């Protein structure tokens, strides 16, 4: 299915936001004082970027649920395994190897160096950012069913159901904890974003208005004001030993829910005809960036003002990860041509 340029731009923005979250969080953790300009800038950038994961889900849902062909289980699963499943397995093992080597260098015992990363894989987070891929598994499993339900209910009923489902999902996930990233309860809550993406895109397919885009972007920045204010003191409380819960910046914080939907609706109402540099291969940039940043963060000094440190490293890590993505794709194509790996995996899973 042809992608919309406005969503390509949003995909790029969301990827930059992910990098900003991780780099600004690292920066905040190095600060000894929770005050001053550096602290405020880091917290502000961190809060504004927290809509990244919901936006990724809404983009996926907007297209996956719109494609009538995705009613067919085998056809959809074949695409999902090749595009998402195989890279997830490959990078899980790459990060497992990285985790083992790093622990051995830190003088962990051999058994601990092997078993701790293995436990993380079983929990669905072989590296801190990969929880998202494991969370997607149940959502993609149920996608053909959701497409059928959507078509049988009709647009109006499905939209109303999605609204109610999203409200209950927000309440449930905001007040719950879980240990497995592919936990069905949690995945079902994230499924609400997936469905909302289709509802919003469908609602504005032939009714895009610039004034609506303006209202949505204004709402996005408005809800960030209380988010930044509360998060400013929340992190200060954490630094003083007062807990570590992400009350206002979790993916189902009411502020983040509203901000995410507002930003997605803003991009939905854009009428962009441009293509954007670095907007391709964002999935692989997401997979690669955490490892690149982890190495950089361990090796380089951190005593740089936040206004320079965070944008600079976001740009550098993105470009390096983008080049890594291009290299990975090239290597995988060579391996695939020689080993016919995709078909072998599909045959193994009974999806040939």
C-alpha atoms as a PDB file:
ATOM      1  CA  UNK A   1       0.000   0.000   0.000  1.00  0.00           C
ATOM      2  CA  UNK A   2       1.293   3.458  -0.931  1.00  0.00           C
ATOM      3  CA  UNK A   3       2.432   5.465   2.056  1.00  0.00           C
ATOM      4  CA  UNK A   4       1.351   9.067   2.645  1.00  0.00           C
ATOM      5  CA  UNK A   5       4.150  11.627   2.782  1.00  0.00           C
ATOM      6  CA  UNK A   6       2.660  13.249   5.871  1.00  0.00           C
ATOM      7  CA  UNK A   7       2.887   9.940   7.751  1.00  0.00           C
ATOM      8  CA  UNK A   8       6.400   9.404   6.429  1.00  0.00           C
ATOM      9  CA  UNK A   9       7.286  12.726   8.033  1.00  0.00           C
ATOM     10  CA  UNK A  10       5.545  11.698  11.267  1.00  0.00           C
ATOM     11  CA  UNK A  11       7.451   8.397  11.220  1.00  0.00           C
ATOM     12  CA  UNK A  12      10.694  10.364  10.930  1.00  0.00           C
ATOM     13  CA  UNK A  13       9.655  12.745  13.727  1.00  0.00           C
ATOM     14  CA  UNK A  14       8.662   9.822  15.978  1.00  0.00           C
ATOM     15  CA  UNK A  15      12.023   8.134  15.385  1.00  0.00           C
ATOM     16  CA  UNK A  16      13.843  11.355  16.278  1.00  0.00           C
ATOM     17  CA  UNK A  17      11.642  11.561  19.373  1.00  0.00           C
ATOM     18  CA  UNK A  18      12.683   8.036  20.421  1.00  0.00           C
ATOM     19  CA  UNK A  19      16.341   9.012  20.196  1.00  0.00           C
ATOM     20  CA  UNK A  20      15.589  12.217  22.108  1.00  0.00           C
ATOM     21  CA  UNK A  21      13.910  10.252  24.913  1.00  0.00           C
ATOM     22  CA  UNK A  22      16.869   7.923  25.344  1.00  0.00           C
ATOM     23  CA  UNK A  23      19.569  10.594  25.046  1.00  0.00           C
ATOM     24  CA  UNK A  24      17.813  13.152  27.258  1.00  0.00           C
ATOM     25  CA  UNK A  25      17.118  10.465  29.873  1.00  0.00           C
ATOM     26  CA  UNK A  26      20.810   9.580  29.912  1.00  0.00           C
ATOM     27  CA  UNK A  27      21.648  13.276  30.268  1.00  0.00           C
ATOM     28  CA  UNK A  28      19.207  13.756  33.147  1.00  0.00           C
ATOM     29  CA  UNK A  29      20.705  10.753  34.933  1.00  0.00           C
ATOM     30  CA  UNK A  30      24.148  12.410  34.855  1.00  0.00           C
ATOM     31  CA  UNK A  31      22.953  15.642  36.460  1.00  0.00           C
ATOM     32  CA  UNK A  32      23.781  16.084  40.117  1.00  0.00           C
ATOM     33  CA  UNK A  33      21.355  18.969  40.598  1.00  0.00           C
ATOM     34  CA  UNK A  34      17.718  19.031  39.509  1.00  0.00           C
ATOM     35  CA  UNK A  35      17.608  22.731  38.765  1.00  0.00           C
ATOM     36  CA  UNK A  36      18.885  25.235  36.285  1.00  0.00           C
ATOM     37  CA  UNK A  37      18.620  25.653  32.530  1.00  0.00           C
ATOM     38  CA  UNK A  38      20.201  22.313  31.566  1.00  0.00           C
ATOM     39  CA  UNK A  39      17.763  20.386  33.720  1.00  0.00           C
ATOM     40  CA  UNK A  40      14.738  22.279  32.367  1.00  0.00           C
ATOM     41  CA  UNK A  41      15.815  21.836  28.725  1.00  0.00           C
ATOM     42  CA  UNK A  42      16.450  18.097  29.177  1.00  0.00           C
ATOM     43  CA  UNK A  43      13.095  17.524  30.900  1.00  0.00           C
ATOM     44  CA  UNK A  44      11.233  19.599  28.281  1.00  0.00           C
ATOM     45  CA  UNK A  45      12.724  17.699  25.334  1.00  0.00           C
ATOM     46  CA  UNK A  46      12.101  14.409  27.122  1.00  0.00           C
ATOM     47  CA  UNK A  47       8.431  15.202  27.761  1.00  0.00           C
ATOM     48  CA  UNK A  48       7.645  16.534  24.281  1.00  0.00           C
ATOM     49  CA  UNK A  49       9.122  13.368  22.750  1.00  0.00           C
ATOM     50  CA  UNK A  50       7.062  10.904  24.777  1.00  0.00           C
ATOM     51  CA  UNK A  51       4.397  10.608  22.094  1.00  0.00           C
ATOM     52  CA  UNK A  52       6.751   8.558  19.894  1.00  0.00           C
ATOM     53  CA  UNK A  53       5.547   5.017  20.629  1.00  0.00           C
ATOM     54  CA  UNK A  54       1.815   5.862  20.421  1.00  0.00           C
ATOM     55  CA  UNK A  55       2.453   7.583  17.075  1.00  0.00           C
ATOM     56  CA  UNK A  56       4.283   4.522  15.726  1.00  0.00           C
ATOM     57  CA  UNK A  57       1.312   2.359  16.693  1.00  0.00           C
ATOM     58  CA  UNK A  58      -1.227   4.724  15.158  1.00  0.00           C
ATOM     59  CA  UNK A  59       0.703   4.839  11.883  1.00  0.00           C
ATOM     60  CA  UNK A  60       0.815   1.026  11.743  1.00  0.00           C
ATOM     61  CA  UNK A  61      -2.872   0.713  12.561  1.00  0.00           C
ATOM     62  CA  UNK A  62      -3.862   3.395  10.056  1.00  0.00           C
ATOM     63  CA  UNK A  63      -2.440   1.296   7.209  1.00  0.00           C
ATOM     64  CA  UNK A  64      -2.720  -2.294   8.429  1.00  0.00           C
ATOM     65  CA  UNK A  65      -6.396  -1.983   9.358  1.00  0.00           C
ATOM     66  CA  UNK A  66      -7.207  -0.158   6.133  1.00  0.00           C
ATOM     67  CA  UNK A  67      -5.934  -2.963   3.903  1.00  0.00           C
ATOM     68  CA  UNK A  68      -8.765  -5.405   3.171  1.00  0.00           C
ATOM     69  CA  UNK A  69      -6.203  -8.047   2.194  1.00  0.00           C
ATOM     70  CA  UNK A  70      -5.100  -8.209   5.825  1.00  0.00           C
ATOM     71  CA  UNK A  71      -8.291 -10.137   6.605  1.00  0.00           C
ATOM     72  CA  UNK A  72      -6.433 -13.189   5.343  1.00  0.00           C
ATOM     73  CA  UNK A  73      -4.375 -14.567   8.199  1.00  0.00           C
ATOM     74  CA  UNK A  74      -1.635 -16.312   6.238  1.00  0.00           C
ATOM     75  CA  UNK A  75      -1.107 -13.428   3.855  1.00  0.00           C
ATOM     76  CA  UNK A  76      -0.767 -10.880   6.644  1.00  0.00           C
ATOM     77  CA  UNK A  77       1.380 -13.137   8.816  1.00  0.00           C
ATOM     78  CA  UNK A  78       3.771 -13.743   5.933  1.00  0.00           C
ATOM     79  CA  UNK A  79       4.307 -10.003   5.558  1.00  0.00           C
ATOM     80  CA  UNK A  80       4.625  -9.487   9.308  1.00  0.00           C
ATOM     81  CA  UNK A  81       7.170 -12.283   9.752  1.00  0.00           C
ATOM     82  CA  UNK A  82       9.394 -10.980   6.945  1.00  0.00           C
ATOM     83  CA  UNK A  83       9.141  -7.280   7.786  1.00  0.00           C
ATOM     84  CA  UNK A  84       9.043  -7.420  11.595  1.00  0.00           C
ATOM     85  CA  UNK A  85       9.540 -10.964  12.884  1.00  0.00           C
ATOM     86  CA  UNK A  86      12.866 -11.902  11.285  1.00  0.00           C
ATOM     87  CA  UNK A  87      14.593  -8.574  12.089  1.00  0.00           C
ATOM     88  CA  UNK A  88      13.325  -8.815  15.680  1.00  0.00           C
ATOM     89  CA  UNK A  89      14.850 -12.279  16.106  1.00  0.00           C
ATOM     90  CA  UNK A  90      18.137 -11.236  14.481  1.00  0.00           C
ATOM     91  CA  UNK A  91      18.539  -8.123  16.618  1.00  0.00           C
ATOM     92  CA  UNK A  92      17.464  -9.980  19.751  1.00  0.00           C
ATOM     93  CA  UNK A  93      20.432 -12.300  19.294  1.00  0.00           C
ATOM     94  CA  UNK A  94      22.755  -9.427  18.372  1.00  0.00           C
ATOM     95  CA  UNK A  95      21.830  -7.588  21.563  1.00  0.00           C
ATOM     96  CA  UNK A  96      22.060 -10.835  23.502  1.00  0.00           C
ATOM     97  CA  UNK A  97      25.642 -11.213  22.295  1.00  0.00           C
ATOM     98  CA  UNK A  98      26.357  -7.575  23.139  1.00  0.00           C
ATOM     99  CA  UNK A  99      24.944  -8.094  26.632  1.00  0.00           C
ATOM    100  CA  UNK A 100      27.069 -11.188  27.218  1.00  0.00           C
ATOM    101  CA  UNK A 101      30.288  -9.487  26.059  1.00  0.00           C
ATOM    102  CA  UNK A 102      29.624  -6.323  28.063  1.00  0.00           C
ATOM    103  CA  UNK A 103      29.007  -8.308  31.256  1.00  0.00           C
ATOM    104  CA  UNK A 104      32.137 -10.370  30.754  1.00  0.00           C
ATOM    105  CA  UNK A 105      34.122  -7.137  30.365  1.00  0.00           C
ATOM    106  CA  UNK A 106      32.531  -5.925  33.606  1.00  0.00           C
ATOM    107  CA  UNK A 107      33.833  -9.101  35.286  1.00  0.00           C
ATOM    108  CA  UNK A 108      30.478 -10.778  35.765  1.00  0.00           C
ATOM    109  CA  UNK A 109      30.685 -14.551  36.141  1.00  0.00           C
ATOM    110  CA  UNK A 110      30.352 -16.570  32.942  1.00  0.00           C
ATOM    111  CA  UNK A 111      27.016 -18.023  34.071  1.00  0.00           C
ATOM    112  CA  UNK A 112      25.581 -14.592  34.937  1.00  0.00           C
ATOM    113  CA  UNK A 113      26.857 -13.120  31.679  1.00  0.00           C
ATOM    114  CA  UNK A 114      24.956 -15.795  29.763  1.00  0.00           C
ATOM    115  CA  UNK A 115      21.789 -16.121  31.842  1.00  0.00           C
ATOM    116  CA  UNK A 116      20.961 -12.458  32.548  1.00  0.00           C
ATOM    117  CA  UNK A 117      20.669 -11.482  28.841  1.00  0.00           C
ATOM    118  CA  UNK A 118      18.756 -14.718  28.211  1.00  0.00           C
ATOM    119  CA  UNK A 119      16.278 -13.812  30.944  1.00  0.00           C
ATOM    120  CA  UNK A 120      15.830 -10.395  29.324  1.00  0.00           C
ATOM    121  CA  UNK A 121      14.958 -12.064  26.002  1.00  0.00           C
ATOM    122  CA  UNK A 122      12.380 -14.270  27.733  1.00  0.00           C
ATOM    123  CA  UNK A 123      10.886 -11.146  29.323  1.00  0.00           C
ATOM    124  CA  UNK A 124      10.627  -9.515  25.899  1.00  0.00           C
ATOM    125  CA  UNK A 125      13.321  -6.877  26.263  1.00  0.00           C
ATOM    126  CA  UNK A 126      16.723  -8.153  25.082  1.00  0.00           C
ATOM    127  CA  UNK A 127      17.706  -4.493  25.069  1.00  0.00           C
ATOM    128  CA  UNK A 128      15.752  -1.654  26.649  1.00  0.00           C
ATOM    129  CA  UNK A 129      14.137  -0.380  23.433  1.00  0.00           C
ATOM    130  CA  UNK A 130      13.119  -3.760  22.010  1.00  0.00           C
ATOM    131  CA  UNK A 131      10.143  -4.193  24.309  1.00  0.00           C
ATOM    132  CA  UNK A 132       8.166  -2.411  21.574  1.00  0.00           C
ATOM    133  CA  UNK A 133       8.768  -5.199  19.046  1.00  0.00           C
ATOM    134  CA  UNK A 134       7.721  -7.908  21.503  1.00  0.00           C
ATOM    135  CA  UNK A 135       4.630  -5.925  22.452  1.00  0.00           C
ATOM    136  CA  UNK A 136       3.698  -5.825  18.749  1.00  0.00           C
ATOM    137  CA  UNK A 137       3.546  -9.628  18.477  1.00  0.00           C
ATOM    138  CA  UNK A 138       0.058 -10.077  20.011  1.00  0.00           C
ATOM    139  CA  UNK A 139      -1.216  -6.994  18.171  1.00  0.00           C
ATOM    140  CA  UNK A 140      -0.097  -8.365  14.811  1.00  0.00           C
ATOM    141  CA  UNK A 141      -1.496 -11.788  15.651  1.00  0.00           C
ATOM    142  CA  UNK A 142      -4.943 -10.226  16.146  1.00  0.00           C
ATOM    143  CA  UNK A 143      -4.767  -7.786  13.217  1.00  0.00           C
ATOM    144  CA  UNK A 144      -6.703  -9.983  10.714  1.00  0.00           C
ATOM    145  CA  UNK A 145      -9.430 -10.434  13.324  1.00  0.00           C
ATOM    146  CA  UNK A 146      -9.621  -6.665  13.946  1.00  0.00           C
ATOM    147  CA  UNK A 147      -9.907  -5.999  10.201  1.00  0.00           C
ATOM    148  CA  UNK A 148     -12.823  -8.445   9.977  1.00  0.00           C
ATOM    149  CA  UNK A 149     -14.553  -6.910  13.003  1.00  0.00           C
ATOM    150  CA  UNK A 150     -14.084  -3.404  11.580  1.00  0.00           C
ATOM    151  CA  UNK A 151     -15.632  -4.395   8.253  1.00  0.00           C
ATOM    152  CA  UNK A 152     -18.528  -6.219   9.885  1.00  0.00           C
ATOM    153  CA  UNK A 153     -19.342  -3.438  12.368  1.00  0.00           C
ATOM    154  CA  UNK A 154     -18.973  -0.609   9.876  1.00  0.00           C
ATOM    155  CA  UNK A 155     -17.081   2.646  10.308  1.00  0.00           C
ATOM    156  CA  UNK A 156     -19.459   4.352  12.756  1.00  0.00           C
ATOM    157  CA  UNK A 157     -19.832   1.460  15.204  1.00  0.00           C
ATOM    158  CA  UNK A 158     -16.148   0.555  15.017  1.00  0.00           C
ATOM    159  CA  UNK A 159     -15.170   4.167  15.735  1.00  0.00           C
ATOM    160  CA  UNK A 160     -17.449   4.304  18.785  1.00  0.00           C
ATOM    161  CA  UNK A 161     -16.127   0.951  20.000  1.00  0.00           C
ATOM    162  CA  UNK A 162     -12.553   2.180  19.538  1.00  0.00           C
ATOM    163  CA  UNK A 163     -13.277   5.290  21.615  1.00  0.00           C
ATOM    164  CA  UNK A 164     -14.688   3.259  24.518  1.00  0.00           C
ATOM    165  CA  UNK A 165     -11.952   0.674  24.219  1.00  0.00           C
ATOM    166  CA  UNK A 166      -9.293   3.424  24.312  1.00  0.00           C
ATOM    167  CA  UNK A 167     -10.755   4.954  27.474  1.00  0.00           C
ATOM    168  CA  UNK A 168     -10.745   1.616  29.314  1.00  0.00           C
ATOM    169  CA  UNK A 169      -7.291   0.745  27.931  1.00  0.00           C
ATOM    170  CA  UNK A 170      -5.882   4.025  29.228  1.00  0.00           C
ATOM    171  CA  UNK A 171      -7.338   3.469  32.687  1.00  0.00           C
ATOM    172  CA  UNK A 172      -6.188  -0.151  32.773  1.00  0.00           C
ATOM    173  CA  UNK A 173      -2.604   0.402  31.597  1.00  0.00           C
ATOM    174  CA  UNK A 174      -2.153   3.616  33.601  1.00  0.00           C
ATOM    175  CA  UNK A 175      -2.993   1.760  36.809  1.00  0.00           C
ATOM    176  CA  UNK A 176      -1.261  -1.568  36.087  1.00  0.00           C
ATOM    177  CA  UNK A 177       2.173  -3.157  36.038  1.00  0.00           C
ATOM    178  CA  UNK A 178       3.441  -6.150  34.078  1.00  0.00           C
ATOM    179  CA  UNK A 179       6.644  -8.163  33.765  1.00  0.00           C
ATOM    180  CA  UNK A 180       6.398  -9.496  30.210  1.00  0.00           C
ATOM    181  CA  UNK A 181       6.497  -7.040  27.309  1.00  0.00           C
ATOM    182  CA  UNK A 182       4.321  -9.375  25.229  1.00  0.00           C
ATOM    183  CA  UNK A 183       1.789  -9.697  28.049  1.00  0.00           C
ATOM    184  CA  UNK A 184      -1.653 -10.004  26.431  1.00  0.00           C
ATOM    185  CA  UNK A 185      -3.310  -7.518  28.758  1.00  0.00           C
ATOM    186  CA  UNK A 186      -0.740  -4.842  28.043  1.00  0.00           C
ATOM    187  CA  UNK A 187      -0.717  -5.583  24.301  1.00  0.00           C
ATOM    188  CA  UNK A 188      -4.509  -5.271  24.173  1.00  0.00           C
ATOM    189  CA  UNK A 189      -4.217  -1.832  25.776  1.00  0.00           C
ATOM    190  CA  UNK A 190      -1.649  -0.737  23.188  1.00  0.00           C
ATOM    191  CA  UNK A 191      -4.000  -2.100  20.539  1.00  0.00           C
ATOM    192  CA  UNK A 192      -6.237   0.879  21.291  1.00  0.00           C
ATOM    193  CA  UNK A 193      -3.651   3.236  19.740  1.00  0.00           C
ATOM    194  CA  UNK A 194      -3.436   0.893  16.747  1.00  0.00           C
ATOM    195  CA  UNK A 195      -7.190   1.160  16.216  1.00  0.00           C
ATOM    196  CA  UNK A 196      -7.340   4.908  16.860  1.00  0.00           C
ATOM    197  CA  UNK A 197      -4.832   5.399  14.052  1.00  0.00           C
ATOM    198  CA  UNK A 198      -7.240   3.914  11.535  1.00  0.00           C
ATOM    199  CA  UNK A 199     -10.231   5.831  12.928  1.00  0.00           C
ATOM    200  CA  UNK A 200      -8.469   9.214  12.660  1.00  0.00           C
ATOM    201  CA  UNK A 201      -7.018   8.578   9.210  1.00  0.00           C
ATOM    202  CA  UNK A 202     -10.364   7.346   7.922  1.00  0.00           C
ATOM    203  CA  UNK A 203     -12.209  10.335   9.398  1.00  0.00           C
ATOM    204  CA  UNK A 204      -9.984  12.846   7.579  1.00  0.00           C
ATOM    205  CA  UNK A 205      -9.259  10.979   4.345  1.00  0.00           C
ATOM    206  CA  UNK A 206     -11.264  13.382   2.227  1.00  0.00           C
ATOM    207  CA  UNK A 207     -11.759  16.156   4.763  1.00  0.00           C
ATOM    208  CA  UNK A 208      -8.326  17.600   5.554  1.00  0.00           C
ATOM    209  CA  UNK A 209      -8.368  21.170   6.826  1.00  0.00           C
ATOM    210  CA  UNK A 210      -5.452  23.462   7.677  1.00  0.00           C
ATOM    211  CA  UNK A 211      -7.363  25.067  10.535  1.00  0.00           C
ATOM    212  CA  UNK A 212      -7.939  21.645  12.083  1.00  0.00           C
ATOM    213  CA  UNK A 213      -4.223  20.929  11.825  1.00  0.00           C
ATOM    214  CA  UNK A 214      -3.539  24.202  13.642  1.00  0.00           C
ATOM    215  CA  UNK A 215      -5.970  23.316  16.441  1.00  0.00           C
ATOM    216  CA  UNK A 216      -4.435  19.874  16.902  1.00  0.00           C
ATOM    217  CA  UNK A 217      -0.848  21.118  17.063  1.00  0.00           C
ATOM    218  CA  UNK A 218      -1.959  23.802  19.526  1.00  0.00           C
ATOM    219  CA  UNK A 219      -3.554  21.088  21.672  1.00  0.00           C
ATOM    220  CA  UNK A 220      -0.349  19.027  21.485  1.00  0.00           C
ATOM    221  CA  UNK A 221       1.775  21.862  22.853  1.00  0.00           C
ATOM    222  CA  UNK A 222      -0.886  22.841  25.408  1.00  0.00           C
ATOM    223  CA  UNK A 223      -0.978  19.405  27.067  1.00  0.00           C
ATOM    224  CA  UNK A 224       2.811  19.435  27.202  1.00  0.00           C
ATOM    225  CA  UNK A 225       2.788  22.416  29.573  1.00  0.00           C
ATOM    226  CA  UNK A 226       1.397  20.510  32.601  1.00  0.00           C
ATOM    227  CA  UNK A 227       3.375  17.431  31.561  1.00  0.00           C
ATOM    228  CA  UNK A 228       6.672  19.335  31.688  1.00  0.00           C
ATOM    229  CA  UNK A 229       5.732  21.078  34.937  1.00  0.00           C
ATOM    230  CA  UNK A 230       4.805  17.868  36.758  1.00  0.00           C
ATOM    231  CA  UNK A 231       7.695  15.875  35.283  1.00  0.00           C
ATOM    232  CA  UNK A 232      10.134  18.599  36.370  1.00  0.00           C
ATOM    233  CA  UNK A 233       9.268  17.969  40.005  1.00  0.00           C
ATOM    234  CA  UNK A 234       8.749  14.243  39.538  1.00  0.00           C
ATOM    235  CA  UNK A 235      12.362  13.737  38.408  1.00  0.00           C
ATOM    236  CA  UNK A 236      13.541  15.981  41.237  1.00  0.00           C
ATOM    237  CA  UNK A 237      11.647  13.724  43.635  1.00  0.00           C
ATOM    238  CA  UNK A 238      13.292  10.655  42.067  1.00  0.00           C
ATOM    239  CA  UNK A 239      16.748  12.167  42.493  1.00  0.00           C
ATOM    240  CA  UNK A 240      15.957  12.706  46.155  1.00  0.00           C
ATOM    241  CA  UNK A 241      14.950   9.071  46.619  1.00  0.00           C
ATOM    242  CA  UNK A 242      11.220   9.606  46.292  1.00  0.00           C
ATOM    243  CA  UNK A 243      10.458   6.865  43.788  1.00  0.00           C
ATOM    244  CA  UNK A 244      10.949   6.208  40.110  1.00  0.00           C
ATOM    245  CA  UNK A 245       7.470   5.862  38.594  1.00  0.00           C
ATOM    246  CA  UNK A 246       6.784   7.694  35.340  1.00  0.00           C
ATOM    247  CA  UNK A 247       3.487   9.172  36.411  1.00  0.00           C
ATOM    248  CA  UNK A 248       2.994  11.741  33.640  1.00  0.00           C
ATOM    249  CA  UNK A 249       5.173  10.448  30.804  1.00  0.00           C
ATOM    250  CA  UNK A 250       4.080   6.828  30.561  1.00  0.00           C
ATOM    251  CA  UNK A 251       2.488   5.852  27.253  1.00  0.00           C
ATOM    252  CA  UNK A 252      -0.944   5.782  28.901  1.00  0.00           C
ATOM    253  CA  UNK A 253      -0.675   8.908  30.983  1.00  0.00           C
ATOM    254  CA  UNK A 254      -3.766  10.975  30.075  1.00  0.00           C
ATOM    255  CA  UNK A 255      -1.467  13.814  28.964  1.00  0.00           C
ATOM    256  CA  UNK A 256       0.473  11.524  26.642  1.00  0.00           C
ATOM    257  CA  UNK A 257      -2.703   9.931  25.256  1.00  0.00           C
ATOM    258  CA  UNK A 258      -4.185  13.326  24.388  1.00  0.00           C
ATOM    259  CA  UNK A 259      -0.894  14.684  23.061  1.00  0.00           C
ATOM    260  CA  UNK A 260      -0.259  11.608  20.904  1.00  0.00           C
ATOM    261  CA  UNK A 261      -3.713  11.676  19.335  1.00  0.00           C
ATOM    262  CA  UNK A 262      -3.448  15.441  18.772  1.00  0.00           C
ATOM    263  CA  UNK A 263      -0.075  15.125  17.028  1.00  0.00           C
ATOM    264  CA  UNK A 264      -1.271  12.220  14.873  1.00  0.00           C
ATOM    265  CA  UNK A 265      -4.407  14.173  13.906  1.00  0.00           C
ATOM    266  CA  UNK A 266      -2.205  17.182  13.067  1.00  0.00           C
ATOM    267  CA  UNK A 267      -0.105  15.161  10.617  1.00  0.00           C
ATOM    268  CA  UNK A 268      -3.249  13.519   9.245  1.00  0.00           C
ATOM    269  CA  UNK A 269      -4.577  16.946   8.268  1.00  0.00           C
ATOM    270  CA  UNK A 270      -1.384  17.970   6.492  1.00  0.00           C
ATOM    271  CA  UNK A 271      -1.292  17.844   2.702  1.00  0.00           C
ATOM    272  CA  UNK A 272       2.363  17.134   2.126  1.00  0.00           C
ATOM    273  CA  UNK A 273       3.637  16.159  -1.315  1.00  0.00           C
ATOM    274  CA  UNK A 274       7.308  16.236  -0.368  1.00  0.00           C
ATOM    275  CA  UNK A 275       9.530  13.291   0.397  1.00  0.00           C
ATOM    276  CA  UNK A 276      11.935  13.637   3.283  1.00  0.00           C
ATOM    277  CA  UNK A 277      15.584  12.742   3.623  1.00  0.00           C
ATOM    278  CA  UNK A 278      16.232   9.943   6.142  1.00  0.00           C
ATOM    279  CA  UNK A 279      12.515   9.046   6.356  1.00  0.00           C
ATOM    280  CA  UNK A 280      13.163   5.562   4.967  1.00  0.00           C
ATOM    281  CA  UNK A 281      14.438   2.661   7.051  1.00  0.00           C
ATOM    282  CA  UNK A 282      13.234   4.219  10.320  1.00  0.00           C
ATOM    283  CA  UNK A 283      12.373   0.733  11.608  1.00  0.00           C
ATOM    284  CA  UNK A 284      16.004  -0.318  11.341  1.00  0.00           C
ATOM    285  CA  UNK A 285      17.201   3.007  12.739  1.00  0.00           C
ATOM    286  CA  UNK A 286      15.020   2.226  15.756  1.00  0.00           C
ATOM    287  CA  UNK A 287      16.556  -1.233  16.102  1.00  0.00           C
ATOM    288  CA  UNK A 288      20.148  -0.061  15.770  1.00  0.00           C
ATOM    289  CA  UNK A 289      20.247   3.290  17.570  1.00  0.00           C
ATOM    290  CA  UNK A 290      20.139   1.982  21.148  1.00  0.00           C
ATOM    291  CA  UNK A 291      23.273  -0.084  20.718  1.00  0.00           C
ATOM    292  CA  UNK A 292      25.105   2.816  19.075  1.00  0.00           C
ATOM    293  CA  UNK A 293      24.063   5.214  21.815  1.00  0.00           C
ATOM    294  CA  UNK A 294      24.958   2.756  24.565  1.00  0.00           C
ATOM    295  CA  UNK A 295      28.539   2.566  23.277  1.00  0.00           C
ATOM    296  CA  UNK A 296      28.821   6.341  22.799  1.00  0.00           C
ATOM    297  CA  UNK A 297      27.368   7.081  26.233  1.00  0.00           C
ATOM    298  CA  UNK A 298      29.849   4.747  27.924  1.00  0.00           C
ATOM    299  CA  UNK A 299      32.878   6.228  26.175  1.00  0.00           C
ATOM    300  CA  UNK A 300      32.352   9.975  25.790  1.00  0.00           C
ATOM    301  CA  UNK A 301      32.196  12.862  28.312  1.00  0.00           C
ATOM    302  CA  UNK A 302      28.812  14.242  29.340  1.00  0.00           C
ATOM    303  CA  UNK A 303      29.681  17.748  30.631  1.00  0.00           C
ATOM    304  CA  UNK A 304      28.125  19.661  27.717  1.00  0.00           C
ATOM    305  CA  UNK A 305      25.140  22.061  27.936  1.00  0.00           C
ATOM    306  CA  UNK A 306      21.836  20.288  27.249  1.00  0.00           C
ATOM    307  CA  UNK A 307      20.900  22.658  24.414  1.00  0.00           C
ATOM    308  CA  UNK A 308      23.952  21.373  22.505  1.00  0.00           C
ATOM    309  CA  UNK A 309      24.336  17.874  23.912  1.00  0.00           C
ATOM    310  CA  UNK A 310      20.886  16.466  23.168  1.00  0.00           C
ATOM    311  CA  UNK A 311      20.282  17.798  19.601  1.00  0.00           C
ATOM    312  CA  UNK A 312      23.897  17.084  18.630  1.00  0.00           C
ATOM    313  CA  UNK A 313      23.850  13.457  19.739  1.00  0.00           C
ATOM    314  CA  UNK A 314      20.349  12.885  18.357  1.00  0.00           C
ATOM    315  CA  UNK A 315      21.615  13.985  14.935  1.00  0.00           C
ATOM    316  CA  UNK A 316      24.857  12.003  15.136  1.00  0.00           C
ATOM    317  CA  UNK A 317      23.243   8.800  16.430  1.00  0.00           C
ATOM    318  CA  UNK A 318      20.478   9.042  13.822  1.00  0.00           C
ATOM    319  CA  UNK A 319      22.930   9.396  10.928  1.00  0.00           C
ATOM    320  CA  UNK A 320      25.174   6.585  12.206  1.00  0.00           C
ATOM    321  CA  UNK A 321      22.144   4.339  12.790  1.00  0.00           C
ATOM    322  CA  UNK A 322      20.795   5.194   9.337  1.00  0.00           C
ATOM    323  CA  UNK A 323      24.074   4.132   7.757  1.00  0.00           C
ATOM    324  CA  UNK A 324      23.998   0.992   9.891  1.00  0.00           C
ATOM    325  CA  UNK A 325      20.466   0.324   8.635  1.00  0.00           C
ATOM    326  CA  UNK A 326      21.581   0.601   5.017  1.00  0.00           C
ATOM    327  CA  UNK A 327      24.471  -1.781   5.721  1.00  0.00           C
ATOM    328  CA  UNK A 328      22.198  -4.282   7.493  1.00  0.00           C
ATOM    329  CA  UNK A 329      19.715  -4.259   4.600  1.00  0.00           C
ATOM    330  CA  UNK A 330      22.525  -4.828   2.091  1.00  0.00           C
ATOM    331  CA  UNK A 331      23.995  -7.737   4.075  1.00  0.00           C
ATOM    332  CA  UNK A 332      20.578  -9.294   4.644  1.00  0.00           C
ATOM    333  CA  UNK A 333      19.732  -9.125   0.927  1.00  0.00           C
ATOM    334  CA  UNK A 334      22.964 -10.968   0.098  1.00  0.00           C
ATOM    335  CA  UNK A 335      22.248 -13.655   2.709  1.00  0.00           C
ATOM    336  CA  UNK A 336      18.635 -13.944   1.572  1.00  0.00           C
ATOM    337  CA  UNK A 337      19.647 -14.462  -2.056  1.00  0.00           C
ATOM    338  CA  UNK A 338      22.101 -17.198  -1.118  1.00  0.00           C
ATOM    339  CA  UNK A 339      20.089 -19.015   1.551  1.00  0.00           C
ATOM    340  CA  UNK A 340      16.488 -18.185   0.594  1.00  0.00           C
ATOM    341  CA  UNK A 341      16.051 -17.416   4.291  1.00  0.00           C
ATOM    342  CA  UNK A 342      12.607 -15.808   4.158  1.00  0.00           C
ATOM    343  CA  UNK A 343      10.981 -18.814   2.493  1.00  0.00           C
ATOM    344  CA  UNK A 344      12.706 -21.215   4.877  1.00  0.00           C
ATOM    345  CA  UNK A 345      11.375 -19.315   7.880  1.00  0.00           C
ATOM    346  CA  UNK A 346       7.862 -19.158   6.396  1.00  0.00           C
ATOM    347  CA  UNK A 347       7.959 -22.901   5.673  1.00  0.00           C
ATOM    348  CA  UNK A 348       9.115 -23.605   9.229  1.00  0.00           C
ATOM    349  CA  UNK A 349       6.145 -21.605  10.556  1.00  0.00           C
ATOM    350  CA  UNK A 350       3.671 -23.226   8.143  1.00  0.00           C
ATOM    351  CA  UNK A 351       3.091 -19.961   6.265  1.00  0.00           C
ATOM    352  CA  UNK A 352       4.505 -20.970   2.891  1.00  0.00           C
END
